C-alpha atoms as a PDB file:
ATOM      1  CA  MET A   1     -29.406 -13.601  -2.951  1.00  0.00           C
ATOM      2  CA  SER A   2     -27.345 -11.410  -0.620  1.00  0.00           C
ATOM      3  CA  THR A   3     -27.298  -7.688  -1.412  1.00  0.00           C
ATOM      4  CA  GLY A   4     -23.526  -7.857  -0.984  1.00  0.00           C
ATOM      5  CA  GLU A   5     -23.167  -9.664  -4.307  1.00  0.00           C
ATOM      6  CA  PRO A   6     -22.221  -7.636  -7.361  1.00  0.00           C
ATOM      7  CA  GLN A   7     -25.349  -8.833  -9.200  1.00  0.00           C
ATOM      8  CA  ALA A   8     -27.567  -7.287  -6.560  1.00  0.00           C
ATOM      9  CA  GLY A   9     -25.474  -4.287  -5.535  1.00  0.00           C
ATOM     10  CA  GLY A  10     -23.922  -3.506  -8.907  1.00  0.00           C
ATOM     11  CA  GLY A  11     -26.257  -0.701  -9.880  1.00  0.00           C
ATOM     12  CA  THR A  12     -26.043   0.902  -6.452  1.00  0.00           C
ATOM     13  CA  GLY A  13     -22.273   0.416  -6.353  1.00  0.00           C
ATOM     14  CA  TRP A  14     -21.843   2.031  -9.777  1.00  0.00           C
ATOM     15  CA  ARG A  15     -24.038   5.010  -8.856  1.00  0.00           C
ATOM     16  CA  SER A  16     -22.194   5.416  -5.581  1.00  0.00           C
ATOM     17  CA  ALA A  17     -18.816   5.318  -7.340  1.00  0.00           C
ATOM     18  CA  CYS A  18     -19.973   7.954  -9.839  1.00  0.00           C
ATOM     19  CA  SER A  19     -21.328  10.115  -7.026  1.00  0.00           C
ATOM     20  CA  LEU A  20     -18.140   9.821  -4.975  1.00  0.00           C
ATOM     21  CA  LEU A  21     -15.658  10.392  -7.783  1.00  0.00           C
ATOM     22  CA  THR A  22     -17.512  12.836 -10.037  1.00  0.00           C
ATOM     23  CA  VAL A  23     -20.177  15.520  -9.931  1.00  0.00           C
ATOM     24  CA  ILE A  24     -22.507  13.161 -11.805  1.00  0.00           C
ATOM     25  CA  GLY A  25     -25.103  11.135  -9.942  1.00  0.00           C
ATOM     26  CA  GLY A  26     -25.900  13.506  -7.115  1.00  0.00           C
ATOM     27  CA  ALA A  27     -25.057  13.151  -3.453  1.00  0.00           C
ATOM     28  CA  SER A  28     -25.371   9.679  -1.945  1.00  0.00           C
ATOM     29  CA  ALA A  29     -23.932   7.705   0.936  1.00  0.00           C
ATOM     30  CA  PRO A  30     -20.900   5.534   0.080  1.00  0.00           C
ATOM     31  CA  HIS A  31     -21.897   1.983  -0.847  1.00  0.00           C
ATOM     32  CA  ARG A  32     -19.673  -0.942   0.111  1.00  0.00           C
ATOM     33  CA  TRP A  33     -19.499  -2.097  -3.514  1.00  0.00           C
ATOM     34  CA  ALA A  34     -18.473   1.333  -4.826  1.00  0.00           C
ATOM     35  CA  PRO A  35     -14.715   0.487  -4.911  1.00  0.00           C
ATOM     36  CA  ALA A  36     -15.436  -2.296  -7.400  1.00  0.00           C
ATOM     37  CA  TYR A  37     -16.351   0.394  -9.945  1.00  0.00           C
ATOM     38  CA  PHE A  38     -13.678   3.014  -9.201  1.00  0.00           C
ATOM     39  CA  GLY A  39     -11.531   1.904 -12.126  1.00  0.00           C
ATOM     40  CA  ALA A  40     -14.483   1.865 -14.534  1.00  0.00           C
ATOM     41  CA  VAL A  41     -15.443   5.400 -13.528  1.00  0.00           C
ATOM     42  CA  GLY A  42     -11.850   6.477 -14.072  1.00  0.00           C
ATOM     43  CA  LEU A  43     -11.783   4.846 -17.497  1.00  0.00           C
ATOM     44  CA  VAL A  44     -14.925   6.679 -18.619  1.00  0.00           C
ATOM     45  CA  LEU A  45     -13.771   9.979 -17.132  1.00  0.00           C
ATOM     46  CA  GLY A  46     -10.356   9.676 -18.730  1.00  0.00           C
ATOM     47  CA  ALA A  47     -11.892   8.800 -22.090  1.00  0.00           C
ATOM     48  CA  VAL A  48     -14.124  11.888 -21.945  1.00  0.00           C
ATOM     49  CA  LEU A  49     -11.173  14.098 -21.060  1.00  0.00           C
ATOM     50  CA  GLY A  50      -9.031  12.431 -23.706  1.00  0.00           C
ATOM     51  CA  GLY A  51     -11.680  13.040 -26.339  1.00  0.00           C
ATOM     52  CA  ALA A  52     -11.908  16.690 -25.334  1.00  0.00           C
ATOM     53  CA  TRP A  53      -8.106  16.939 -25.422  1.00  0.00           C
ATOM     54  CA  TRP A  54      -8.031  15.505 -28.934  1.00  0.00           C
ATOM     55  CA  ALA A  55     -10.766  17.901 -30.101  1.00  0.00           C
ATOM     56  CA  LEU A  56      -9.108  20.935 -28.541  1.00  0.00           C
ATOM     57  CA  GLY A  57      -5.758  19.955 -30.005  1.00  0.00           C
ATOM     58  CA  SER A  58      -6.950  20.852 -33.480  1.00  0.00           C
ATOM     59  CA  VAL A  59      -8.265  24.316 -32.604  1.00  0.00           C
ATOM     60  CA  ALA A  60      -6.189  25.601 -29.654  1.00  0.00           C
ATOM     61  CA  PRO A  61      -2.481  25.937 -28.849  1.00  0.00           C
ATOM     62  CA  PRO A  62      -1.123  22.958 -26.847  1.00  0.00           C
ATOM     63  CA  LEU A  63      -0.699  24.932 -23.624  1.00  0.00           C
ATOM     64  CA  VAL A  64      -4.227  26.350 -23.776  1.00  0.00           C
ATOM     65  CA  ALA A  65      -5.712  22.935 -24.559  1.00  0.00           C
ATOM     66  CA  ALA A  66      -3.765  21.396 -21.678  1.00  0.00           C
ATOM     67  CA  ALA A  67      -4.947  24.029 -19.204  1.00  0.00           C
ATOM     68  CA  LEU A  68      -8.554  23.554 -20.299  1.00  0.00           C
ATOM     69  CA  ILE A  69      -8.329  19.774 -19.829  1.00  0.00           C
ATOM     70  CA  VAL A  70      -6.913  20.138 -16.312  1.00  0.00           C
ATOM     71  CA  ALA A  71      -9.692  22.615 -15.512  1.00  0.00           C
ATOM     72  CA  LEU A  72     -12.321  20.277 -16.972  1.00  0.00           C
ATOM     73  CA  ASP A  73     -10.968  17.393 -14.900  1.00  0.00           C
ATOM     74  CA  ALA A  74     -11.203  19.518 -11.752  1.00  0.00           C
ATOM     75  CA  GLY A  75     -14.758  20.483 -12.654  1.00  0.00           C
ATOM     76  CA  LEU A  76     -15.957  16.952 -13.423  1.00  0.00           C
ATOM     77  CA  THR A  77     -14.470  15.602 -10.182  1.00  0.00           C
ATOM     78  CA  GLY A  78     -15.757  18.504  -8.105  1.00  0.00           C
ATOM     79  CA  MET A  79     -12.126  19.188  -7.110  1.00  0.00           C
ATOM     80  CA  LEU A  80     -12.564  16.405  -4.554  1.00  0.00           C
ATOM     81  CA  HIS A  81      -9.176  14.819  -5.227  1.00  0.00           C
ATOM     82  CA  LEU A  82      -7.416  18.184  -5.129  1.00  0.00           C
ATOM     83  CA  ASP A  83      -9.032  18.825  -1.750  1.00  0.00           C
ATOM     84  CA  GLY A  84      -7.712  15.486  -0.515  1.00  0.00           C
ATOM     85  CA  LEU A  85      -4.253  16.339  -1.810  1.00  0.00           C
ATOM     86  CA  ALA A  86      -4.327  19.683   0.002  1.00  0.00           C
ATOM     87  CA  ASP A  87      -5.345  18.059   3.290  1.00  0.00           C
ATOM     88  CA  CYS A  88      -2.679  15.378   2.943  1.00  0.00           C
ATOM     89  CA  ALA A  89       0.024  17.903   2.096  1.00  0.00           C
ATOM     90  CA  ASP A  90      -0.684  19.821   5.303  1.00  0.00           C
ATOM     91  CA  GLY A  91      -1.158  16.712   7.434  1.00  0.00           C
ATOM     92  CA  LEU A  92       1.496  14.335   6.142  1.00  0.00           C
ATOM     93  CA  LEU A  93       4.431  16.563   5.229  1.00  0.00           C
ATOM     94  CA  ALA A  94       4.731  18.844   8.263  1.00  0.00           C
ATOM     95  CA  PRO A  95       6.465  17.423  11.382  1.00  0.00           C
ATOM     96  CA  MET A  96       3.850  16.408  13.988  1.00  0.00           C
ATOM     97  CA  ASP A  97       2.506  13.326  15.744  1.00  0.00           C
ATOM     98  CA  ARG A  98      -0.070  10.965  14.243  1.00  0.00           C
ATOM     99  CA  GLU A  99      -3.097  12.299  16.105  1.00  0.00           C
ATOM    100  CA  ARG A 100      -2.235  15.864  15.191  1.00  0.00           C
ATOM    101  CA  ARG A 101      -1.888  14.823  11.536  1.00  0.00           C
ATOM    102  CA  LEU A 102      -5.382  13.348  11.538  1.00  0.00           C
ATOM    103  CA  THR A 103      -6.769  16.478  13.168  1.00  0.00           C
ATOM    104  CA  VAL A 104      -5.098  18.777  10.641  1.00  0.00           C
ATOM    105  CA  MET A 105      -6.400  16.673   7.741  1.00  0.00           C
ATOM    106  CA  ARG A 106      -9.952  16.973   9.066  1.00  0.00           C
ATOM    107  CA  THR A 107      -9.919  20.777   9.391  1.00  0.00           C
ATOM    108  CA  PRO A 108     -10.906  22.947   6.385  1.00  0.00           C
ATOM    109  CA  ASP A 109      -7.909  25.291   6.721  1.00  0.00           C
ATOM    110  CA  VAL A 110      -5.328  25.360   3.924  1.00  0.00           C
ATOM    111  CA  GLY A 111      -1.660  25.799   4.817  1.00  0.00           C
ATOM    112  CA  ALA A 112       1.553  26.521   2.948  1.00  0.00           C
ATOM    113  CA  PHE A 113       2.244  22.853   2.216  1.00  0.00           C
ATOM    114  CA  ALA A 114      -1.158  22.486   0.556  1.00  0.00           C
ATOM    115  CA  VAL A 115      -0.761  25.589  -1.606  1.00  0.00           C
ATOM    116  CA  VAL A 116       2.673  24.551  -2.854  1.00  0.00           C
ATOM    117  CA  VAL A 117       1.878  20.884  -3.503  1.00  0.00           C
ATOM    118  CA  VAL A 118      -1.473  21.485  -5.222  1.00  0.00           C
ATOM    119  CA  GLY A 119       0.013  24.283  -7.291  1.00  0.00           C
ATOM    120  CA  LEU A 120       2.953  22.140  -8.371  1.00  0.00           C
ATOM    121  CA  CYS A 121       0.716  19.242  -9.389  1.00  0.00           C
ATOM    122  CA  ILE A 122      -1.542  21.475 -11.478  1.00  0.00           C
ATOM    123  CA  VAL A 123       1.416  23.139 -13.199  1.00  0.00           C
ATOM    124  CA  LEU A 124       3.111  19.808 -13.885  1.00  0.00           C
ATOM    125  CA  GLN A 125      -0.079  18.336 -15.344  1.00  0.00           C
ATOM    126  CA  VAL A 126      -0.591  21.314 -17.658  1.00  0.00           C
ATOM    127  CA  VAL A 127       3.032  21.345 -18.820  1.00  0.00           C
ATOM    128  CA  ALA A 128       3.079  17.580 -19.352  1.00  0.00           C
ATOM    129  CA  LEU A 129      -0.143  17.560 -21.353  1.00  0.00           C
ATOM    130  CA  ALA A 130       1.121  20.447 -23.479  1.00  0.00           C
ATOM    131  CA  ALA A 131       4.248  18.426 -24.294  1.00  0.00           C
ATOM    132  CA  LEU A 132       2.282  15.340 -25.373  1.00  0.00           C
ATOM    133  CA  SER A 133       0.248  14.590 -28.468  1.00  0.00           C
ATOM    134  CA  PRO A 134      -3.473  14.305 -27.583  1.00  0.00           C
ATOM    135  CA  SER A 135      -4.278  10.679 -26.771  1.00  0.00           C
ATOM    136  CA  PRO A 136      -7.639   9.489 -25.409  1.00  0.00           C
ATOM    137  CA  LEU A 137      -6.059   6.103 -24.646  1.00  0.00           C
ATOM    138  CA  LEU A 138      -3.401   7.705 -22.456  1.00  0.00           C
ATOM    139  CA  LEU A 139      -5.865   9.562 -20.237  1.00  0.00           C
ATOM    140  CA  ALA A 140      -8.396   6.709 -20.129  1.00  0.00           C
ATOM    141  CA  GLY A 141      -5.726   4.237 -19.034  1.00  0.00           C
ATOM    142  CA  LEU A 142      -3.999   6.504 -16.535  1.00  0.00           C
ATOM    143  CA  TRP A 143      -7.241   7.712 -14.954  1.00  0.00           C
ATOM    144  CA  ALA A 144      -8.427   4.084 -14.596  1.00  0.00           C
ATOM    145  CA  LEU A 145      -5.067   3.024 -13.153  1.00  0.00           C
ATOM    146  CA  ALA A 146      -5.120   5.811 -10.565  1.00  0.00           C
ATOM    147  CA  ARG A 147      -8.599   4.861  -9.358  1.00  0.00           C
ATOM    148  CA  GLY A 148      -7.759   1.175  -9.390  1.00  0.00           C
ATOM    149  CA  ALA A 149      -4.918   2.119  -7.045  1.00  0.00           C
ATOM    150  CA  MET A 150      -7.521   3.712  -4.765  1.00  0.00           C
ATOM    151  CA  SER A 151      -9.263   0.362  -4.478  1.00  0.00           C
ATOM    152  CA  ALA A 152      -5.921  -1.383  -3.969  1.00  0.00           C
ATOM    153  CA  THR A 153      -5.146   0.962  -1.085  1.00  0.00           C
ATOM    154  CA  THR A 154      -8.318  -0.127   0.722  1.00  0.00           C
ATOM    155  CA  VAL A 155      -7.065  -3.724   0.426  1.00  0.00           C
ATOM    156  CA  ILE A 156      -3.449  -3.137   1.413  1.00  0.00           C
ATOM    157  CA  LEU A 157      -3.857  -0.584   4.218  1.00  0.00           C
ATOM    158  CA  PRO A 158      -6.247  -0.387   7.183  1.00  0.00           C
ATOM    159  CA  TYR A 159      -8.517   2.603   7.702  1.00  0.00           C
ATOM    160  CA  ALA A 160      -6.637   5.109   9.859  1.00  0.00           C
ATOM    161  CA  ARG A 161      -9.650   6.580  11.666  1.00  0.00           C
ATOM    162  CA  PRO A 162     -12.099   4.903  14.072  1.00  0.00           C
ATOM    163  CA  SER A 163     -14.972   6.235  11.946  1.00  0.00           C
ATOM    164  CA  GLY A 164     -15.564   8.130   8.723  1.00  0.00           C
ATOM    165  CA  LEU A 165     -17.097   7.897   5.247  1.00  0.00           C
ATOM    166  CA  ALA A 166     -14.465   5.484   3.976  1.00  0.00           C
ATOM    167  CA  THR A 167     -15.402   2.897   6.615  1.00  0.00           C
ATOM    168  CA  ALA A 168     -18.128   1.912   4.147  1.00  0.00           C
ATOM    169  CA  PHE A 169     -15.425   0.411   1.915  1.00  0.00           C
ATOM    170  CA  GLY A 170     -15.199  -2.714   4.044  1.00  0.00           C
ATOM    171  CA  GLU A 171     -16.327  -5.235   1.420  1.00  0.00           C
ATOM    172  CA  ARG A 172     -13.004  -6.885   0.616  1.00  0.00           C
ATOM    173  CA  ARG A 173     -14.289  -8.593  -2.531  1.00  0.00           C
ATOM    174  CA  ALA A 174     -15.385  -5.251  -3.946  1.00  0.00           C
ATOM    175  CA  ASN A 175     -12.028  -3.696  -3.110  1.00  0.00           C
ATOM    176  CA  VAL A 176     -10.112  -6.527  -4.770  1.00  0.00           C
ATOM    177  CA  ILE A 177     -12.320  -6.423  -7.873  1.00  0.00           C
ATOM    178  CA  GLY A 178     -11.787  -2.676  -8.147  1.00  0.00           C
ATOM    179  CA  ALA A 179      -8.032  -3.003  -7.697  1.00  0.00           C
ATOM    180  CA  VAL A 180      -7.638  -5.750 -10.278  1.00  0.00           C
ATOM    181  CA  SER A 181     -10.052  -4.350 -12.867  1.00  0.00           C
ATOM    182  CA  GLY A 182      -8.965  -0.731 -12.450  1.00  0.00           C
ATOM    183  CA  ALA A 183      -5.210  -1.187 -12.282  1.00  0.00           C
ATOM    184  CA  GLY A 184      -5.187  -4.134 -14.677  1.00  0.00           C
ATOM    185  CA  GLY A 185      -7.557  -2.586 -17.187  1.00  0.00           C
ATOM    186  CA  GLY A 186      -5.759   0.737 -17.004  1.00  0.00           C
ATOM    187  CA  ALA A 187      -2.411  -0.980 -17.576  1.00  0.00           C
ATOM    188  CA  VAL A 188      -3.723  -2.740 -20.705  1.00  0.00           C
ATOM    189  CA  VAL A 189      -5.053   0.531 -22.143  1.00  0.00           C
ATOM    190  CA  LEU A 190      -1.762   2.281 -21.391  1.00  0.00           C
ATOM    191  CA  VAL A 191       0.216  -0.439 -23.149  1.00  0.00           C
ATOM    192  CA  LEU A 192      -1.989   0.120 -26.202  1.00  0.00           C
ATOM    193  CA  ALA A 193      -1.141   3.836 -26.008  1.00  0.00           C
ATOM    194  CA  GLY A 194       2.471   3.124 -26.980  1.00  0.00           C
ATOM    195  CA  SER A 195       5.726   4.302 -25.408  1.00  0.00           C
ATOM    196  CA  SER A 196       4.113   7.307 -23.707  1.00  0.00           C
ATOM    197  CA  GLY A 197       1.578   4.918 -22.207  1.00  0.00           C
ATOM    198  CA  LEU A 198       4.331   2.707 -20.820  1.00  0.00           C
ATOM    199  CA  GLY A 199       5.905   5.744 -19.210  1.00  0.00           C
ATOM    200  CA  ALA A 200       2.559   6.750 -17.740  1.00  0.00           C
ATOM    201  CA  LEU A 201       2.048   3.226 -16.426  1.00  0.00           C
ATOM    202  CA  LEU A 202       5.360   3.191 -14.584  1.00  0.00           C
ATOM    203  CA  GLY A 203       4.944   6.753 -13.331  1.00  0.00           C
ATOM    204  CA  GLY A 204       1.382   6.202 -12.190  1.00  0.00           C
ATOM    205  CA  LEU A 205       2.333   3.118 -10.214  1.00  0.00           C
ATOM    206  CA  LEU A 206       5.302   4.915  -8.669  1.00  0.00           C
ATOM    207  CA  GLY A 207       3.172   7.891  -7.647  1.00  0.00           C
ATOM    208  CA  ALA A 208       0.471   5.687  -6.119  1.00  0.00           C
ATOM    209  CA  PHE A 209       3.031   3.582  -4.250  1.00  0.00           C
ATOM    210  CA  GLY A 210       4.687   6.717  -2.888  1.00  0.00           C
ATOM    211  CA  VAL A 211       1.451   8.057  -1.414  1.00  0.00           C
ATOM    212  CA  MET A 212       0.542   4.658   0.055  1.00  0.00           C
ATOM    213  CA  THR A 213       3.978   4.342   1.649  1.00  0.00           C
ATOM    214  CA  LEU A 214       3.846   7.839   3.141  1.00  0.00           C
ATOM    215  CA  ALA A 215       0.332   7.255   4.517  1.00  0.00           C
ATOM    216  CA  ARG A 216       1.370   3.958   6.084  1.00  0.00           C
ATOM    217  CA  ARG A 217       4.395   5.510   7.763  1.00  0.00           C
ATOM    218  CA  ARG A 218       2.745   8.717   8.953  1.00  0.00           C
ATOM    219  CA  LEU A 219      -0.804   7.508   9.707  1.00  0.00           C
ATOM    220  CA  GLY A 220      -0.621   3.725   9.851  1.00  0.00           C
ATOM    221  CA  GLY A 221      -3.317   3.486   7.166  1.00  0.00           C
ATOM    222  CA  TYR A 222      -5.462   5.449   4.734  1.00  0.00           C
ATOM    223  CA  THR A 223      -8.224   8.043   4.912  1.00  0.00           C
ATOM    224  CA  GLY A 224     -10.528   9.468   2.274  1.00  0.00           C
ATOM    225  CA  ASP A 225      -8.067  12.327   1.809  1.00  0.00           C
ATOM    226  CA  VAL A 226      -5.254   9.848   1.182  1.00  0.00           C
ATOM    227  CA  LEU A 227      -7.300   8.221  -1.592  1.00  0.00           C
ATOM    228  CA  GLY A 228      -7.878  11.601  -3.233  1.00  0.00           C
ATOM    229  CA  ALA A 229      -4.221  12.585  -2.957  1.00  0.00           C
ATOM    230  CA  LEU A 230      -3.188   9.254  -4.430  1.00  0.00           C
ATOM    231  CA  VAL A 231      -5.259   9.899  -7.570  1.00  0.00           C
ATOM    232  CA  VAL A 232      -3.748  13.342  -8.190  1.00  0.00           C
ATOM    233  CA  VAL A 233      -0.170  12.236  -7.530  1.00  0.00           C
ATOM    234  CA  ALA A 234      -0.513   9.102  -9.672  1.00  0.00           C
ATOM    235  CA  GLN A 235      -1.940  11.108 -12.566  1.00  0.00           C
ATOM    236  CA  THR A 236       0.685  13.838 -12.223  1.00  0.00           C
ATOM    237  CA  VAL A 237       3.690  11.536 -12.043  1.00  0.00           C
ATOM    238  CA  GLY A 238       2.204   9.393 -14.806  1.00  0.00           C
ATOM    239  CA  LEU A 239       1.785  12.349 -17.168  1.00  0.00           C
ATOM    240  CA  VAL A 240       5.299  13.620 -16.471  1.00  0.00           C
ATOM    241  CA  ALA A 241       6.735  10.149 -17.056  1.00  0.00           C
ATOM    242  CA  ALA A 242       4.784   9.908 -20.307  1.00  0.00           C
ATOM    243  CA  THR A 243       6.686  12.924 -21.648  1.00  0.00           C
ATOM    244  CA  VAL A 244       9.998  11.248 -20.885  1.00  0.00           C
ATOM    245  CA  HIS A 245       8.982   8.119 -22.815  1.00  0.00           C
ATOM    246  CA  ARG A 246       7.187   9.829 -25.668  1.00  0.00           C
ATOM    247  CA  PRO A 247       8.267   8.839 -29.204  1.00  0.00           C
END
């Protein structure tokens, strides 16, 4: 049996997805089946955060609980997605040509665009969570949806660089499985979360689509930083939209 099949590469793909998207699992090279498990990792991560949110909601003020959940999310993901958002803010928003954008996104420097955009997303997430009633379903569904959108991006857009870590995500079947299971599974969980979940579903999709569209126009494709930025923006817009549709 080929090692490209999920039955043979599943364990490696799952470990690689955990390693890439969280601080759990240790460092490892990206596996081509990792995108198939992005949504599942997001579901578990969101459920853990949602459980912590629910527990904190009974002992801490809403704003404090919200800030702690955002901090815990950053810790469990190793701030990887926030780093991608910072790089994309500097590279995609400032006026420059495509090659310069790619160069800026590869450098470790942080500019004004990055500071403002990352800061706004963190503040919006904290404020939105503080305005919502703790719901493990909401975070599990939205976190899965955002990571399913990562897999979808690898299907819809080409890789923007000639080489890089994300070139490993070339197994189209894995990408499609991750997109369908992550986005589809996340959508089902969000529907079960009620009206706030429906708002999060629409907002998450809108945020993900916005990042994909900007990356296509400015870069002609995606990079690893684009995938990280997509997660943060989808989660942020989803949480804000959930407050608008809350009961």
